[in-house]
Amino acid sequence: MSGILGLILSDSFEITTAAAELCRDTISRTLSQTAPSNTLAATPVSVWREEGCFLGAWKAAALSDDESLISTDEVRRFQVVGSGGIINSREIHKTLTLRGHHFASNNGFECLAHLVQEGHLDWELGLDGKFAFAIWDRRERILHLGRDRFGLKPLFWIGNSSGFAFSSSLTQLKAVLLELERQEDGLGGAVRRIFLPFKLDSLPPIIEVAPRHRLHPGS
């Protein structure tokens, strides 16, 4: 079991370490509540933040020493999280290495951070597997969301031009937003202003990203 979640706000809103840890704790708690009864170990949850952006990812399988749930490129412009797996990531890895790219981990989704550097508009059409991903462009402050061609892995988003949130899990998306909404600080106020009109207890207007599709919500 793996999943991703993120929150994008105006860069004037600081997402503090405490807020990131609150999101991590909420994800972990929700995972523990929905895990099968025979699950022995807690699911690792990784988080990353900067002003206006929070990214989270989790994976039930044990991680190797050189595997990270949140990947980046050589200059740390792009931050990537993914759910599921890219079957042909090793082939893409080899091709990009020959082109001069340097990889820091064995995470198959790291290839996305390097592919987006190539600038091809249709590069995702060469991906094989069942996956959902998010790529945060730190320089342009644009988020890319995408799914596999058959829509085997879910991906949802909610928001508007003032801010938006996404997740591969509706349960996690609602749990984190409702937890942040209870906070009496600037971030809590922003979440209440942006997301409460959407009535989080109902599905609409939470939008599912279409299969074989990439979009830039909020742009």
C-alpha atoms as a PDB file:
ATOM      1  CA  MET A   1       0.000   0.000   0.000  1.00  0.00           C
ATOM      2  CA  SER A   2       1.359   3.392  -0.981  1.00  0.00           C
ATOM      3  CA  GLY A   3      -0.064   6.868  -1.311  1.00  0.00           C
ATOM      4  CA  ILE A   4       0.603  10.579  -1.703  1.00  0.00           C
ATOM      5  CA  LEU A   5      -0.856  13.829  -0.418  1.00  0.00           C
ATOM      6  CA  GLY A   6      -0.049  17.489  -0.862  1.00  0.00           C
ATOM      7  CA  LEU A   7      -1.188  21.009  -0.068  1.00  0.00           C
ATOM      8  CA  ILE A   8      -0.369  24.086  -2.168  1.00  0.00           C
ATOM      9  CA  LEU A   9      -1.072  27.601  -0.923  1.00  0.00           C
ATOM     10  CA  SER A  10       0.138  31.090  -1.662  1.00  0.00           C
ATOM     11  CA  ASP A  11       3.846  31.400  -0.862  1.00  0.00           C
ATOM     12  CA  SER A  12       2.933  33.981   1.801  1.00  0.00           C
ATOM     13  CA  PHE A  13       1.688  31.123   4.009  1.00  0.00           C
ATOM     14  CA  GLU A  14       4.416  29.409   5.945  1.00  0.00           C
ATOM     15  CA  ILE A  15       3.942  25.679   6.387  1.00  0.00           C
ATOM     16  CA  THR A  16       5.908  25.180   9.570  1.00  0.00           C
ATOM     17  CA  THR A  17       7.671  22.073  10.813  1.00  0.00           C
ATOM     18  CA  ALA A  18       4.878  21.692  13.369  1.00  0.00           C
ATOM     19  CA  ALA A  19       2.227  21.823  10.631  1.00  0.00           C
ATOM     20  CA  ALA A  20       4.115  19.261   8.539  1.00  0.00           C
ATOM     21  CA  GLU A  21       4.383  16.953  11.551  1.00  0.00           C
ATOM     22  CA  LEU A  22       0.667  17.397  12.222  1.00  0.00           C
ATOM     23  CA  CYS A  23      -0.044  16.282   8.668  1.00  0.00           C
ATOM     24  CA  ARG A  24       2.327  13.326   9.081  1.00  0.00           C
ATOM     25  CA  ASP A  25       0.667  12.297  12.348  1.00  0.00           C
ATOM     26  CA  THR A  26      -2.799  12.566  10.792  1.00  0.00           C
ATOM     27  CA  ILE A  27      -1.779  10.394   7.842  1.00  0.00           C
ATOM     28  CA  SER A  28      -0.173   7.817  10.163  1.00  0.00           C
ATOM     29  CA  ARG A  29      -3.212   7.738  12.436  1.00  0.00           C
ATOM     30  CA  THR A  30      -5.604   7.301   9.511  1.00  0.00           C
ATOM     31  CA  LEU A  31      -3.423   4.542   8.067  1.00  0.00           C
ATOM     32  CA  SER A  32      -3.406   2.687  11.376  1.00  0.00           C
ATOM     33  CA  GLN A  33      -7.193   2.933  11.592  1.00  0.00           C
ATOM     34  CA  THR A  34      -7.694   1.475   8.110  1.00  0.00           C
ATOM     35  CA  ALA A  35      -4.853  -1.102   8.097  1.00  0.00           C
ATOM     36  CA  PRO A  36      -5.689  -4.820   8.075  1.00  0.00           C
ATOM     37  CA  SER A  37      -5.749  -6.413  11.515  1.00  0.00           C
ATOM     38  CA  ASN A  38      -2.742  -8.622  10.669  1.00  0.00           C
ATOM     39  CA  THR A  39      -0.495  -5.640   9.882  1.00  0.00           C
ATOM     40  CA  LEU A  40       2.447  -5.701  12.294  1.00  0.00           C
ATOM     41  CA  ALA A  41       4.570  -2.668  11.375  1.00  0.00           C
ATOM     42  CA  ALA A  42       3.528   0.943  10.984  1.00  0.00           C
ATOM     43  CA  THR A  43       3.610   2.364   7.453  1.00  0.00           C
ATOM     44  CA  PRO A  44       6.505   4.851   7.001  1.00  0.00           C
ATOM     45  CA  VAL A  45       5.350   8.374   6.120  1.00  0.00           C
ATOM     46  CA  SER A  46       7.774  10.920   4.618  1.00  0.00           C
ATOM     47  CA  VAL A  47       7.058  14.655   4.419  1.00  0.00           C
ATOM     48  CA  TRP A  48       8.637  17.668   2.722  1.00  0.00           C
ATOM     49  CA  ARG A  49       7.732  21.330   3.038  1.00  0.00           C
ATOM     50  CA  GLU A  50       8.594  24.854   2.046  1.00  0.00           C
ATOM     51  CA  GLU A  51       6.614  28.094   2.074  1.00  0.00           C
ATOM     52  CA  GLY A  52       3.291  27.402   0.426  1.00  0.00           C
ATOM     53  CA  CYS A  53       3.889  23.701  -0.235  1.00  0.00           C
ATOM     54  CA  PHE A  54       3.543  20.452   1.719  1.00  0.00           C
ATOM     55  CA  LEU A  55       4.168  17.000   0.223  1.00  0.00           C
ATOM     56  CA  GLY A  56       3.651  13.652   1.909  1.00  0.00           C
ATOM     57  CA  ALA A  57       4.125  10.045   0.796  1.00  0.00           C
ATOM     58  CA  TRP A  58       3.755   6.638   2.417  1.00  0.00           C
ATOM     59  CA  LYS A  59       4.594   3.051   1.513  1.00  0.00           C
ATOM     60  CA  ALA A  60       3.826  -0.110   3.456  1.00  0.00           C
ATOM     61  CA  ALA A  61       6.836  -2.115   2.269  1.00  0.00           C
ATOM     62  CA  ALA A  62      10.134  -1.703   4.110  1.00  0.00           C
ATOM     63  CA  LEU A  63      12.439   0.858   2.522  1.00  0.00           C
ATOM     64  CA  SER A  64      15.998   0.100   1.498  1.00  0.00           C
ATOM     65  CA  ASP A  65      18.815   2.373   2.661  1.00  0.00           C
ATOM     66  CA  ASP A  66      19.015   4.148  -0.712  1.00  0.00           C
ATOM     67  CA  GLU A  67      15.280   4.522  -1.325  1.00  0.00           C
ATOM     68  CA  SER A  68      13.429   7.738  -0.546  1.00  0.00           C
ATOM     69  CA  LEU A  69       9.681   8.341  -0.771  1.00  0.00           C
ATOM     70  CA  ILE A  70      10.211  11.937  -1.908  1.00  0.00           C
ATOM     71  CA  SER A  71      12.594  12.451  -4.824  1.00  0.00           C
ATOM     72  CA  THR A  72      14.281  15.400  -6.486  1.00  0.00           C
ATOM     73  CA  ASP A  73      16.646  16.240  -9.340  1.00  0.00           C
ATOM     74  CA  GLU A  74      20.295  17.312  -9.182  1.00  0.00           C
ATOM     75  CA  VAL A  75      19.525  21.004  -8.603  1.00  0.00           C
ATOM     76  CA  ARG A  76      16.497  20.329  -6.368  1.00  0.00           C
ATOM     77  CA  ARG A  77      14.112  22.272  -8.578  1.00  0.00           C
ATOM     78  CA  PHE A  78      11.526  19.481  -8.811  1.00  0.00           C
ATOM     79  CA  GLN A  79      10.123  17.515  -5.867  1.00  0.00           C
ATOM     80  CA  VAL A  80       8.315  14.280  -6.741  1.00  0.00           C
ATOM     81  CA  VAL A  81       5.963  11.950  -4.879  1.00  0.00           C
ATOM     82  CA  GLY A  82       4.320   8.886  -6.370  1.00  0.00           C
ATOM     83  CA  SER A  83       1.892   6.089  -5.571  1.00  0.00           C
ATOM     84  CA  GLY A  84       2.118   2.661  -7.167  1.00  0.00           C
ATOM     85  CA  GLY A  85       5.039   1.892  -9.444  1.00  0.00           C
ATOM     86  CA  ILE A  86       6.621   2.581 -12.848  1.00  0.00           C
ATOM     87  CA  ILE A  87       7.508  -0.800 -14.385  1.00  0.00           C
ATOM     88  CA  ASN A  88      10.006   0.573 -16.899  1.00  0.00           C
ATOM     89  CA  SER A  89      11.724   2.987 -14.505  1.00  0.00           C
ATOM     90  CA  ARG A  90      15.043   1.096 -14.763  1.00  0.00           C
ATOM     91  CA  GLU A  91      15.123   1.486 -18.544  1.00  0.00           C
ATOM     92  CA  ILE A  92      14.322   5.188 -18.203  1.00  0.00           C
ATOM     93  CA  HIS A  93      16.990   5.444 -15.489  1.00  0.00           C
ATOM     94  CA  LYS A  94      19.618   3.996 -17.863  1.00  0.00           C
ATOM     95  CA  THR A  95      18.625   6.308 -20.710  1.00  0.00           C
ATOM     96  CA  LEU A  96      18.722   9.411 -18.521  1.00  0.00           C
ATOM     97  CA  THR A  97      22.046   8.394 -16.976  1.00  0.00           C
ATOM     98  CA  LEU A  98      23.560   8.228 -20.478  1.00  0.00           C
ATOM     99  CA  ARG A  99      22.266  11.764 -21.030  1.00  0.00           C
ATOM    100  CA  GLY A 100      24.180  12.981 -17.971  1.00  0.00           C
ATOM    101  CA  HIS A 101      21.559  12.806 -15.236  1.00  0.00           C
ATOM    102  CA  HIS A 102      22.624  11.671 -11.766  1.00  0.00           C
ATOM    103  CA  PHE A 103      20.280   9.670  -9.520  1.00  0.00           C
ATOM    104  CA  ALA A 104      20.344   9.776  -5.729  1.00  0.00           C
ATOM    105  CA  SER A 105      18.098   6.795  -4.911  1.00  0.00           C
ATOM    106  CA  ASN A 106      16.418   3.658  -6.237  1.00  0.00           C
ATOM    107  CA  ASN A 107      12.961   5.208  -6.078  1.00  0.00           C
ATOM    108  CA  GLY A 108      11.402   4.619  -9.496  1.00  0.00           C
ATOM    109  CA  PHE A 109       9.593   7.947  -9.325  1.00  0.00           C
ATOM    110  CA  GLU A 110      12.883   9.847  -9.201  1.00  0.00           C
ATOM    111  CA  CYS A 111      13.065   9.442 -12.978  1.00  0.00           C
ATOM    112  CA  LEU A 112      10.119  11.880 -13.230  1.00  0.00           C
ATOM    113  CA  ALA A 113      12.197  14.675 -11.694  1.00  0.00           C
ATOM    114  CA  HIS A 114      14.784  14.155 -14.431  1.00  0.00           C
ATOM    115  CA  LEU A 115      12.286  13.586 -17.244  1.00  0.00           C
ATOM    116  CA  VAL A 116      10.560  16.883 -16.570  1.00  0.00           C
ATOM    117  CA  GLN A 117      13.956  18.581 -16.943  1.00  0.00           C
ATOM    118  CA  GLU A 118      14.039  17.301 -20.525  1.00  0.00           C
ATOM    119  CA  GLY A 119      11.122  19.577 -21.392  1.00  0.00           C
ATOM    120  CA  HIS A 120       9.165  17.129 -23.576  1.00  0.00           C
ATOM    121  CA  LEU A 121       5.427  17.751 -23.318  1.00  0.00           C
ATOM    122  CA  ASP A 122       4.505  14.107 -23.920  1.00  0.00           C
ATOM    123  CA  TRP A 123       7.187  12.319 -21.893  1.00  0.00           C
ATOM    124  CA  GLU A 124       4.633  10.683 -19.584  1.00  0.00           C
ATOM    125  CA  LEU A 125       3.245   8.683 -22.513  1.00  0.00           C
ATOM    126  CA  GLY A 126       6.341   6.494 -22.295  1.00  0.00           C
ATOM    127  CA  LEU A 127       5.669   5.448 -18.691  1.00  0.00           C
ATOM    128  CA  ASP A 128       4.447   1.914 -18.048  1.00  0.00           C
ATOM    129  CA  GLY A 129       2.813   0.687 -14.841  1.00  0.00           C
ATOM    130  CA  LYS A 130       0.041   1.640 -12.451  1.00  0.00           C
ATOM    131  CA  PHE A 131       0.802   4.924 -10.744  1.00  0.00           C
ATOM    132  CA  ALA A 132      -0.257   8.402  -9.696  1.00  0.00           C
ATOM    133  CA  PHE A 133       2.278  11.171  -9.214  1.00  0.00           C
ATOM    134  CA  ALA A 134       2.775  14.797  -8.265  1.00  0.00           C
ATOM    135  CA  ILE A 135       5.703  16.984  -9.346  1.00  0.00           C
ATOM    136  CA  TRP A 136       6.234  20.332  -7.614  1.00  0.00           C
ATOM    137  CA  ASP A 137       8.207  22.880  -9.663  1.00  0.00           C
ATOM    138  CA  ARG A 138       9.813  25.080  -7.003  1.00  0.00           C
ATOM    139  CA  ARG A 139      10.970  27.754  -9.452  1.00  0.00           C
ATOM    140  CA  GLU A 140       7.717  28.227 -11.374  1.00  0.00           C
ATOM    141  CA  ARG A 141       5.531  27.212  -8.404  1.00  0.00           C
ATOM    142  CA  ILE A 142       3.486  24.851 -10.553  1.00  0.00           C
ATOM    143  CA  LEU A 143       2.221  21.421  -9.536  1.00  0.00           C
ATOM    144  CA  HIS A 144       1.910  18.618 -12.093  1.00  0.00           C
ATOM    145  CA  LEU A 145      -0.528  15.810 -11.279  1.00  0.00           C
ATOM    146  CA  GLY A 146      -0.736  12.665 -13.420  1.00  0.00           C
ATOM    147  CA  ARG A 147      -2.060   9.097 -13.585  1.00  0.00           C
ATOM    148  CA  ASP A 148      -1.308   5.934 -15.542  1.00  0.00           C
ATOM    149  CA  ARG A 149      -3.027   5.332 -18.860  1.00  0.00           C
ATOM    150  CA  PHE A 150      -5.693   2.979 -17.437  1.00  0.00           C
ATOM    151  CA  GLY A 151      -6.398   4.885 -14.218  1.00  0.00           C
ATOM    152  CA  LEU A 152      -5.397   1.925 -12.035  1.00  0.00           C
ATOM    153  CA  LYS A 153      -4.169   4.226  -9.258  1.00  0.00           C
ATOM    154  CA  PRO A 154      -6.570   6.938  -7.998  1.00  0.00           C
ATOM    155  CA  LEU A 155      -5.717  10.624  -7.685  1.00  0.00           C
ATOM    156  CA  PHE A 156      -8.014  13.410  -6.469  1.00  0.00           C
ATOM    157  CA  TRP A 157      -7.742  17.146  -5.998  1.00  0.00           C
ATOM    158  CA  ILE A 158      -9.832  19.992  -4.578  1.00  0.00           C
ATOM    159  CA  GLY A 159      -9.381  23.756  -4.562  1.00  0.00           C
ATOM    160  CA  ASN A 160      -9.202  26.921  -6.629  1.00  0.00           C
ATOM    161  CA  SER A 161      -6.696  29.589  -7.656  1.00  0.00           C
ATOM    162  CA  SER A 162      -6.047  30.466  -3.984  1.00  0.00           C
ATOM    163  CA  GLY A 163      -4.965  26.983  -2.996  1.00  0.00           C
ATOM    164  CA  PHE A 164      -5.533  23.328  -3.613  1.00  0.00           C
ATOM    165  CA  ALA A 165      -4.891  19.921  -2.103  1.00  0.00           C
ATOM    166  CA  PHE A 166      -4.469  16.486  -3.651  1.00  0.00           C
ATOM    167  CA  SER A 167      -4.189  12.868  -2.574  1.00  0.00           C
ATOM    168  CA  SER A 168      -4.380   9.331  -3.867  1.00  0.00           C
ATOM    169  CA  SER A 169      -6.773   8.667  -0.960  1.00  0.00           C
ATOM    170  CA  LEU A 170     -10.057  10.473  -0.353  1.00  0.00           C
ATOM    171  CA  THR A 171      -9.913   9.369   3.285  1.00  0.00           C
ATOM    172  CA  GLN A 172      -6.499  10.947   3.806  1.00  0.00           C
ATOM    173  CA  LEU A 173      -7.400  14.097   1.875  1.00  0.00           C
ATOM    174  CA  LYS A 174     -10.430  14.790   4.074  1.00  0.00           C
ATOM    175  CA  ALA A 175      -8.680  13.798   7.314  1.00  0.00           C
ATOM    176  CA  VAL A 176      -5.720  16.144   6.788  1.00  0.00           C
ATOM    177  CA  LEU A 177      -7.814  19.126   5.664  1.00  0.00           C
ATOM    178  CA  LEU A 178     -10.230  18.733   8.569  1.00  0.00           C
ATOM    179  CA  GLU A 179      -7.323  18.484  11.031  1.00  0.00           C
ATOM    180  CA  LEU A 180      -5.680  21.619   9.631  1.00  0.00           C
ATOM    181  CA  GLU A 181      -9.025  23.437   9.700  1.00  0.00           C
ATOM    182  CA  ARG A 182      -9.115  23.049  13.496  1.00  0.00           C
ATOM    183  CA  GLN A 183      -5.820  24.894  13.955  1.00  0.00           C
ATOM    184  CA  GLU A 184      -6.014  28.446  15.297  1.00  0.00           C
ATOM    185  CA  ASP A 185      -3.233  29.920  13.173  1.00  0.00           C
ATOM    186  CA  GLY A 186      -2.698  31.453   9.745  1.00  0.00           C
ATOM    187  CA  LEU A 187      -2.566  28.095   8.019  1.00  0.00           C
ATOM    188  CA  GLY A 188      -5.769  26.963   9.704  1.00  0.00           C
ATOM    189  CA  GLY A 189      -7.450  30.187   8.631  1.00  0.00           C
ATOM    190  CA  ALA A 190      -6.313  29.710   5.034  1.00  0.00           C
ATOM    191  CA  VAL A 191      -7.612  26.140   4.962  1.00  0.00           C
ATOM    192  CA  ARG A 192     -10.979  27.244   6.382  1.00  0.00           C
ATOM    193  CA  ARG A 193     -11.299  30.055   3.841  1.00  0.00           C
ATOM    194  CA  ILE A 194     -10.274  27.994   0.811  1.00  0.00           C
ATOM    195  CA  PHE A 195     -11.682  24.536   1.496  1.00  0.00           C
ATOM    196  CA  LEU A 196     -14.637  24.792   3.907  1.00  0.00           C
ATOM    197  CA  PRO A 197     -17.008  26.184   1.229  1.00  0.00           C
ATOM    198  CA  PHE A 198     -16.486  22.869  -0.561  1.00  0.00           C
ATOM    199  CA  LYS A 199     -18.193  20.850   2.210  1.00  0.00           C
ATOM    200  CA  LEU A 200     -15.557  18.201   2.844  1.00  0.00           C
ATOM    201  CA  ASP A 201     -18.127  15.661   4.057  1.00  0.00           C
ATOM    202  CA  SER A 202     -19.419  15.229   0.502  1.00  0.00           C
ATOM    203  CA  LEU A 203     -17.541  14.121  -2.629  1.00  0.00           C
ATOM    204  CA  PRO A 204     -18.265  16.991  -5.053  1.00  0.00           C
ATOM    205  CA  PRO A 205     -16.412  19.087  -6.009  1.00  0.00           C
ATOM    206  CA  ILE A 206     -13.432  16.850  -5.267  1.00  0.00           C
ATOM    207  CA  ILE A 207     -12.166  16.075  -8.757  1.00  0.00           C
ATOM    208  CA  GLU A 208     -10.553  12.845  -9.931  1.00  0.00           C
ATOM    209  CA  VAL A 209      -7.645  13.246 -12.328  1.00  0.00           C
ATOM    210  CA  ALA A 210      -8.462  11.459 -15.584  1.00  0.00           C
ATOM    211  CA  PRO A 211      -6.422   8.382 -16.632  1.00  0.00           C
ATOM    212  CA  ARG A 212      -3.460   9.053 -18.949  1.00  0.00           C
ATOM    213  CA  HIS A 213      -3.704  12.702 -18.108  1.00  0.00           C
ATOM    214  CA  ARG A 214      -1.559  15.393 -16.559  1.00  0.00           C
ATOM    215  CA  LEU A 215      -2.919  18.674 -15.243  1.00  0.00           C
ATOM    216  CA  HIS A 216      -1.888  21.769 -13.319  1.00  0.00           C
ATOM    217  CA  PRO A 217      -4.675  22.460 -10.751  1.00  0.00           C
ATOM    218  CA  GLY A 218      -5.020  26.056  -9.675  1.00  0.00           C
ATOM    219  CA  SER A 219      -3.062  27.434 -12.618  1.00  0.00           C
END
